[in-house]
Amino acid sequence: FVVESVGFRDHGWLSANMAWPNSDALHVTER
């Protein structure tokens, strides 16, 4: 099942420990 996502707020954290940021240009592909 392949999921593509866009349209994120730019205040997110991709990881709590590492504090990886994301911008509004984030494109996530999940398989």
ModelCIF file with pLDDT and N, C-alpha, C, O atoms, coordinates in Angstrom:
data_MODEL
#
_entry.id   MODEL 
#
_entity.id                         1 
_entity.type                       polymer 
_entity.pdbx_number_of_molecules   1 
#
_entity_poly.entity_id                      1 
_entity_poly.type                           'polypeptide(L)' 
_entity_poly.nstd_linkage                   no 
_entity_poly.nstd_monomer                   no 
_entity_poly.pdbx_seq_one_letter_code       FVVESVGFRDHGWLSANMAWPNSDALHVTER 
_entity_poly.pdbx_seq_one_letter_code_can   FVVESVGFRDHGWLSANMAWPNSDALHVTER 
_entity_poly.pdbx_strand_id                 A 
#
loop_
_entity_poly_seq.entity_id 
_entity_poly_seq.num 
_entity_poly_seq.mon_id 
_entity_poly_seq.hetero 
1 1  PHE n 
1 2  VAL n 
1 3  VAL n 
1 4  GLU n 
1 5  SER n 
1 6  VAL n 
1 7  GLY n 
1 8  PHE n 
1 9  ARG n 
1 10 ASP n 
1 11 HIS n 
1 12 GLY n 
1 13 TRP n 
1 14 LEU n 
1 15 SER n 
1 16 ALA n 
1 17 ASN n 
1 18 MET n 
1 19 ALA n 
1 20 TRP n 
1 21 PRO n 
1 22 ASN n 
1 23 SER n 
1 24 ASP n 
1 25 ALA n 
1 26 LEU n 
1 27 HIS n 
1 28 VAL n 
1 29 THR n 
1 30 GLU n 
1 31 ARG n 
#
_struct_asym.id          A 
_struct_asym.entity_id   1 
#
loop_
_ma_qa_metric.id 
_ma_qa_metric.mode 
_ma_qa_metric.name 
_ma_qa_metric.software_group_id 
_ma_qa_metric.type 
1 global pLDDT . pLDDT 
2 local  pLDDT . pLDDT 
#
_ma_qa_metric_global.metric_id      1 
_ma_qa_metric_global.metric_value   92.16 
_ma_qa_metric_global.model_id       1 
_ma_qa_metric_global.ordinal_id     1 
#
loop_
_ma_qa_metric_local.label_asym_id 
_ma_qa_metric_local.label_comp_id 
_ma_qa_metric_local.label_seq_id 
_ma_qa_metric_local.metric_id 
_ma_qa_metric_local.metric_value 
_ma_qa_metric_local.model_id 
_ma_qa_metric_local.ordinal_id 
A PHE 1  2 97.00 1 1  
A VAL 2  2 98.00 1 2  
A VAL 3  2 98.00 1 3  
A GLU 4  2 97.00 1 4  
A SER 5  2 96.00 1 5  
A VAL 6  2 96.00 1 6  
A GLY 7  2 94.00 1 7  
A PHE 8  2 92.00 1 8  
A ARG 9  2 87.00 1 9  
A ASP 10 2 82.00 1 10 
A HIS 11 2 78.00 1 11 
A GLY 12 2 83.00 1 12 
A TRP 13 2 89.00 1 13 
A LEU 14 2 91.00 1 14 
A SER 15 2 86.00 1 15 
A ALA 16 2 82.00 1 16 
A ASN 17 2 86.00 1 17 
A MET 18 2 91.00 1 18 
A ALA 19 2 91.00 1 19 
A TRP 20 2 93.00 1 20 
A PRO 21 2 94.00 1 21 
A ASN 22 2 94.00 1 22 
A SER 23 2 94.00 1 23 
A ASP 24 2 93.00 1 24 
A ALA 25 2 94.00 1 25 
A LEU 26 2 95.00 1 26 
A HIS 27 2 96.00 1 27 
A VAL 28 2 97.00 1 28 
A THR 29 2 98.00 1 29 
A GLU 30 2 97.00 1 30 
A ARG 31 2 98.00 1 31 
#
loop_
_atom_site.group_PDB 
_atom_site.id 
_atom_site.type_symbol 
_atom_site.label_atom_id 
_atom_site.label_alt_id 
_atom_site.label_comp_id 
_atom_site.label_asym_id 
_atom_site.label_entity_id 
_atom_site.label_seq_id 
_atom_site.pdbx_PDB_ins_code 
_atom_site.Cartn_x 
_atom_site.Cartn_y 
_atom_site.Cartn_z 
_atom_site.occupancy 
_atom_site.B_iso_or_equiv 
_atom_site.pdbx_formal_charge 
_atom_site.auth_seq_id 
_atom_site.auth_comp_id 
_atom_site.auth_asym_id 
_atom_site.auth_atom_id 
_atom_site.pdbx_PDB_model_num 
ATOM 1   N N  . PHE A 1 1  ? 0.864  -1.170 0.000  1.00 97.00 ? 1  PHE A N  1 
ATOM 2   C CA . PHE A 1 1  ? 0.000  0.000  0.000  1.00 97.00 ? 1  PHE A CA 1 
ATOM 3   C C  . PHE A 1 1  ? 0.904  1.224  0.000  1.00 97.00 ? 1  PHE A C  1 
ATOM 4   O O  . PHE A 1 1  ? 1.629  1.460  0.966  1.00 97.00 ? 1  PHE A O  1 
ATOM 5   N N  . VAL A 1 2  ? 0.866  2.000  -1.069 1.00 98.00 ? 2  VAL A N  1 
ATOM 6   C CA . VAL A 1 2  ? 1.723  3.173  -1.228 1.00 98.00 ? 2  VAL A CA 1 
ATOM 7   C C  . VAL A 1 2  ? 0.896  4.422  -0.950 1.00 98.00 ? 2  VAL A C  1 
ATOM 8   O O  . VAL A 1 2  ? -0.140 4.648  -1.577 1.00 98.00 ? 2  VAL A O  1 
ATOM 9   N N  . VAL A 1 3  ? 1.364  5.229  -0.003 1.00 98.00 ? 3  VAL A N  1 
ATOM 10  C CA . VAL A 1 3  ? 0.656  6.447  0.391  1.00 98.00 ? 3  VAL A CA 1 
ATOM 11  C C  . VAL A 1 3  ? 1.583  7.635  0.179  1.00 98.00 ? 3  VAL A C  1 
ATOM 12  O O  . VAL A 1 3  ? 2.714  7.648  0.665  1.00 98.00 ? 3  VAL A O  1 
ATOM 13  N N  . GLU A 1 4  ? 1.091  8.632  -0.553 1.00 97.00 ? 4  GLU A N  1 
ATOM 14  C CA . GLU A 1 4  ? 1.835  9.873  -0.738 1.00 97.00 ? 4  GLU A CA 1 
ATOM 15  C C  . GLU A 1 4  ? 1.066  10.991 -0.061 1.00 97.00 ? 4  GLU A C  1 
ATOM 16  O O  . GLU A 1 4  ? -0.155 11.088 -0.183 1.00 97.00 ? 4  GLU A O  1 
ATOM 17  N N  . SER A 1 5  ? 1.806  11.845 0.663  1.00 96.00 ? 5  SER A N  1 
ATOM 18  C CA . SER A 1 5  ? 1.171  12.921 1.417  1.00 96.00 ? 5  SER A CA 1 
ATOM 19  C C  . SER A 1 5  ? 1.920  14.233 1.219  1.00 96.00 ? 5  SER A C  1 
ATOM 20  O O  . SER A 1 5  ? 3.150  14.268 1.198  1.00 96.00 ? 5  SER A O  1 
ATOM 21  N N  . VAL A 1 6  ? 1.155  15.306 1.077  1.00 96.00 ? 6  VAL A N  1 
ATOM 22  C CA . VAL A 1 6  ? 1.678  16.677 0.990  1.00 96.00 ? 6  VAL A CA 1 
ATOM 23  C C  . VAL A 1 6  ? 0.737  17.567 1.793  1.00 96.00 ? 6  VAL A C  1 
ATOM 24  O O  . VAL A 1 6  ? -0.229 17.086 2.386  1.00 96.00 ? 6  VAL A O  1 
ATOM 25  N N  . GLY A 1 7  ? 1.022  18.864 1.810  1.00 94.00 ? 7  GLY A N  1 
ATOM 26  C CA . GLY A 1 7  ? 0.117  19.810 2.472  1.00 94.00 ? 7  GLY A CA 1 
ATOM 27  C C  . GLY A 1 7  ? 0.270  19.859 3.977  1.00 94.00 ? 7  GLY A C  1 
ATOM 28  O O  . GLY A 1 7  ? -0.712 20.016 4.702  1.00 94.00 ? 7  GLY A O  1 
ATOM 29  N N  . PHE A 1 8  ? 1.512  19.724 4.454  1.00 92.00 ? 8  PHE A N  1 
ATOM 30  C CA . PHE A 1 8  ? 1.760  19.721 5.899  1.00 92.00 ? 8  PHE A CA 1 
ATOM 31  C C  . PHE A 1 8  ? 1.991  21.131 6.427  1.00 92.00 ? 8  PHE A C  1 
ATOM 32  O O  . PHE A 1 8  ? 2.461  22.014 5.708  1.00 92.00 ? 8  PHE A O  1 
ATOM 33  N N  . ARG A 1 9  ? 1.653  21.321 7.695  1.00 87.00 ? 9  ARG A N  1 
ATOM 34  C CA . ARG A 1 9  ? 2.050  22.538 8.396  1.00 87.00 ? 9  ARG A CA 1 
ATOM 35  C C  . ARG A 1 9  ? 3.565  22.507 8.554  1.00 87.00 ? 9  ARG A C  1 
ATOM 36  O O  . ARG A 1 9  ? 4.159  21.430 8.611  1.00 87.00 ? 9  ARG A O  1 
ATOM 37  N N  . ASP A 1 10 ? 4.175  23.641 8.623  1.00 82.00 ? 10 ASP A N  1 
ATOM 38  C CA . ASP A 1 10 ? 5.639  23.680 8.702  1.00 82.00 ? 10 ASP A CA 1 
ATOM 39  C C  . ASP A 1 10 ? 6.166  23.738 10.130 1.00 82.00 ? 10 ASP A C  1 
ATOM 40  O O  . ASP A 1 10 ? 7.301  24.162 10.346 1.00 82.00 ? 10 ASP A O  1 
ATOM 41  N N  . HIS A 1 11 ? 5.374  23.327 11.099 1.00 78.00 ? 11 HIS A N  1 
ATOM 42  C CA . HIS A 1 11 ? 5.826  23.340 12.497 1.00 78.00 ? 11 HIS A CA 1 
ATOM 43  C C  . HIS A 1 11 ? 6.066  21.942 13.037 1.00 78.00 ? 11 HIS A C  1 
ATOM 44  O O  . HIS A 1 11 ? 6.320  21.773 14.230 1.00 78.00 ? 11 HIS A O  1 
ATOM 45  N N  . GLY A 1 12 ? 5.989  20.946 12.182 1.00 83.00 ? 12 GLY A N  1 
ATOM 46  C CA . GLY A 1 12 ? 6.070  19.569 12.636 1.00 83.00 ? 12 GLY A CA 1 
ATOM 47  C C  . GLY A 1 12 ? 7.466  19.113 13.032 1.00 83.00 ? 12 GLY A C  1 
ATOM 48  O O  . GLY A 1 12 ? 8.473  19.734 12.692 1.00 83.00 ? 12 GLY A O  1 
ATOM 49  N N  . TRP A 1 13 ? 7.486  18.010 13.759 1.00 89.00 ? 13 TRP A N  1 
ATOM 50  C CA . TRP A 1 13 ? 8.715  17.327 14.150 1.00 89.00 ? 13 TRP A CA 1 
ATOM 51  C C  . TRP A 1 13 ? 8.613  15.910 13.606 1.00 89.00 ? 13 TRP A C  1 
ATOM 52  O O  . TRP A 1 13 ? 7.658  15.196 13.913 1.00 89.00 ? 13 TRP A O  1 
ATOM 53  N N  . LEU A 1 14 ? 9.580  15.499 12.809 1.00 91.00 ? 14 LEU A N  1 
ATOM 54  C CA . LEU A 1 14 ? 9.562  14.143 12.275 1.00 91.00 ? 14 LEU A CA 1 
ATOM 55  C C  . LEU A 1 14 ? 10.067 13.137 13.292 1.00 91.00 ? 14 LEU A C  1 
ATOM 56  O O  . LEU A 1 14 ? 9.839  11.936 13.148 1.00 91.00 ? 14 LEU A O  1 
ATOM 57  N N  . SER A 1 15 ? 10.752 13.622 14.322 1.00 86.00 ? 15 SER A N  1 
ATOM 58  C CA . SER A 1 15 ? 11.289 12.768 15.385 1.00 86.00 ? 15 SER A CA 1 
ATOM 59  C C  . SER A 1 15 ? 11.348 13.589 16.660 1.00 86.00 ? 15 SER A C  1 
ATOM 60  O O  . SER A 1 15 ? 11.714 14.764 16.628 1.00 86.00 ? 15 SER A O  1 
ATOM 61  N N  . ALA A 1 16 ? 10.993 12.988 17.769 1.00 82.00 ? 16 ALA A N  1 
ATOM 62  C CA . ALA A 1 16 ? 11.081 13.702 19.045 1.00 82.00 ? 16 ALA A CA 1 
ATOM 63  C C  . ALA A 1 16 ? 12.529 13.822 19.493 1.00 82.00 ? 16 ALA A C  1 
ATOM 64  O O  . ALA A 1 16 ? 12.999 14.920 19.791 1.00 82.00 ? 16 ALA A O  1 
ATOM 65  N N  . ASN A 1 17 ? 13.234 12.709 19.543 1.00 86.00 ? 17 ASN A N  1 
ATOM 66  C CA . ASN A 1 17 ? 14.605 12.707 20.046 1.00 86.00 ? 17 ASN A CA 1 
ATOM 67  C C  . ASN A 1 17 ? 15.540 13.548 19.187 1.00 86.00 ? 17 ASN A C  1 
ATOM 68  O O  . ASN A 1 17 ? 16.293 14.370 19.709 1.00 86.00 ? 17 ASN A O  1 
ATOM 69  N N  . MET A 1 18 ? 15.496 13.351 17.887 1.00 91.00 ? 18 MET A N  1 
ATOM 70  C CA . MET A 1 18 ? 16.400 14.062 16.991 1.00 91.00 ? 18 MET A CA 1 
ATOM 71  C C  . MET A 1 18 ? 15.873 15.437 16.596 1.00 91.00 ? 18 MET A C  1 
ATOM 72  O O  . MET A 1 18 ? 16.622 16.247 16.050 1.00 91.00 ? 18 MET A O  1 
ATOM 73  N N  . ALA A 1 19 ? 14.620 15.710 16.857 1.00 91.00 ? 19 ALA A N  1 
ATOM 74  C CA . ALA A 1 19 ? 14.001 17.001 16.558 1.00 91.00 ? 19 ALA A CA 1 
ATOM 75  C C  . ALA A 1 19 ? 14.111 17.370 15.079 1.00 91.00 ? 19 ALA A C  1 
ATOM 76  O O  . ALA A 1 19 ? 14.319 18.534 14.740 1.00 91.00 ? 19 ALA A O  1 
ATOM 77  N N  . TRP A 1 20 ? 13.970 16.359 14.188 1.00 93.00 ? 20 TRP A N  1 
ATOM 78  C CA . TRP A 1 20 ? 14.025 16.628 12.746 1.00 93.00 ? 20 TRP A CA 1 
ATOM 79  C C  . TRP A 1 20 ? 12.864 17.543 12.363 1.00 93.00 ? 20 TRP A C  1 
ATOM 80  O O  . TRP A 1 20 ? 11.713 17.212 12.645 1.00 93.00 ? 20 TRP A O  1 
ATOM 81  N N  . PRO A 1 21 ? 13.131 18.670 11.735 1.00 94.00 ? 21 PRO A N  1 
ATOM 82  C CA . PRO A 1 21 ? 12.048 19.576 11.332 1.00 94.00 ? 21 PRO A CA 1 
ATOM 83  C C  . PRO A 1 21 ? 11.467 19.195 9.972  1.00 94.00 ? 21 PRO A C  1 
ATOM 84  O O  . PRO A 1 21 ? 12.037 18.390 9.236  1.00 94.00 ? 21 PRO A O  1 
ATOM 85  N N  . ASN A 1 22 ? 10.343 19.781 9.668  1.00 94.00 ? 22 ASN A N  1 
ATOM 86  C CA . ASN A 1 22 ? 9.813  19.726 8.314  1.00 94.00 ? 22 ASN A CA 1 
ATOM 87  C C  . ASN A 1 22 ? 9.295  21.101 7.927  1.00 94.00 ? 22 ASN A C  1 
ATOM 88  O O  . ASN A 1 22 ? 8.942  21.914 8.781  1.00 94.00 ? 22 ASN A O  1 
ATOM 89  N N  . SER A 1 23 ? 9.257  21.343 6.641  1.00 94.00 ? 23 SER A N  1 
ATOM 90  C CA . SER A 1 23 ? 8.723  22.600 6.125  1.00 94.00 ? 23 SER A CA 1 
ATOM 91  C C  . SER A 1 23 ? 7.388  22.328 5.447  1.00 94.00 ? 23 SER A C  1 
ATOM 92  O O  . SER A 1 23 ? 6.899  21.198 5.443  1.00 94.00 ? 23 SER A O  1 
ATOM 93  N N  . ASP A 1 24 ? 6.810  23.365 4.879  1.00 93.00 ? 24 ASP A N  1 
ATOM 94  C CA . ASP A 1 24 ? 5.558  23.196 4.139  1.00 93.00 ? 24 ASP A CA 1 
ATOM 95  C C  . ASP A 1 24 ? 5.770  22.495 2.796  1.00 93.00 ? 24 ASP A C  1 
ATOM 96  O O  . ASP A 1 24 ? 4.798  22.174 2.113  1.00 93.00 ? 24 ASP A O  1 
ATOM 97  N N  . ALA A 1 25 ? 7.021  22.252 2.409  1.00 94.00 ? 25 ALA A N  1 
ATOM 98  C CA . ALA A 1 25 ? 7.334  21.551 1.154  1.00 94.00 ? 25 ALA A CA 1 
ATOM 99  C C  . ALA A 1 25 ? 7.457  20.038 1.355  1.00 94.00 ? 25 ALA A C  1 
ATOM 100 O O  . ALA A 1 25 ? 7.786  19.317 0.413  1.00 94.00 ? 25 ALA A O  1 
ATOM 101 N N  . LEU A 1 26 ? 7.200  19.557 2.557  1.00 95.00 ? 26 LEU A N  1 
ATOM 102 C CA . LEU A 1 26 ? 7.346  18.134 2.866  1.00 95.00 ? 26 LEU A CA 1 
ATOM 103 C C  . LEU A 1 26 ? 6.461  17.265 1.966  1.00 95.00 ? 26 LEU A C  1 
ATOM 104 O O  . LEU A 1 26 ? 5.273  17.532 1.783  1.00 95.00 ? 26 LEU A O  1 
ATOM 105 N N  . HIS A 1 27 ? 7.079  16.220 1.413  1.00 96.00 ? 27 HIS A N  1 
ATOM 106 C CA . HIS A 1 27 ? 6.372  15.188 0.646  1.00 96.00 ? 27 HIS A CA 1 
ATOM 107 C C  . HIS A 1 27 ? 6.794  13.859 1.257  1.00 96.00 ? 27 HIS A C  1 
ATOM 108 O O  . HIS A 1 27 ? 7.966  13.486 1.196  1.00 96.00 ? 27 HIS A O  1 
ATOM 109 N N  . VAL A 1 28 ? 5.840  13.147 1.846  1.00 97.00 ? 28 VAL A N  1 
ATOM 110 C CA . VAL A 1 28 ? 6.109  11.868 2.494  1.00 97.00 ? 28 VAL A CA 1 
ATOM 111 C C  . VAL A 1 28 ? 5.544  10.751 1.617  1.00 97.00 ? 28 VAL A C  1 
ATOM 112 O O  . VAL A 1 28 ? 4.398  10.814 1.172  1.00 97.00 ? 28 VAL A O  1 
ATOM 113 N N  . THR A 1 29 ? 6.368  9.730  1.377  1.00 98.00 ? 29 THR A N  1 
ATOM 114 C CA . THR A 1 29 ? 5.908  8.532  0.688  1.00 98.00 ? 29 THR A CA 1 
ATOM 115 C C  . THR A 1 29 ? 6.075  7.356  1.643  1.00 98.00 ? 29 THR A C  1 
ATOM 116 O O  . THR A 1 29 ? 7.183  7.051  2.084  1.00 98.00 ? 29 THR A O  1 
ATOM 117 N N  . GLU A 1 30 ? 4.964  6.702  1.954  1.00 97.00 ? 30 GLU A N  1 
ATOM 118 C CA . GLU A 1 30 ? 4.982  5.529  2.834  1.00 97.00 ? 30 GLU A CA 1 
ATOM 119 C C  . GLU A 1 30 ? 4.645  4.300  2.006  1.00 97.00 ? 30 GLU A C  1 
ATOM 120 O O  . GLU A 1 30 ? 3.758  4.329  1.153  1.00 97.00 ? 30 GLU A O  1 
ATOM 121 N N  . ARG A 1 31 ? 5.358  3.239  2.271  1.00 98.00 ? 31 ARG A N  1 
ATOM 122 C CA . ARG A 1 31 ? 5.098  1.956  1.618  1.00 98.00 ? 31 ARG A CA 1 
ATOM 123 C C  . ARG A 1 31 ? 4.814  0.950  2.727  1.00 98.00 ? 31 ARG A C  1 
ATOM 124 O O  . ARG A 1 31 ? 4.561  -0.221 2.448  1.00 98.00 ? 31 ARG A O  1 
#
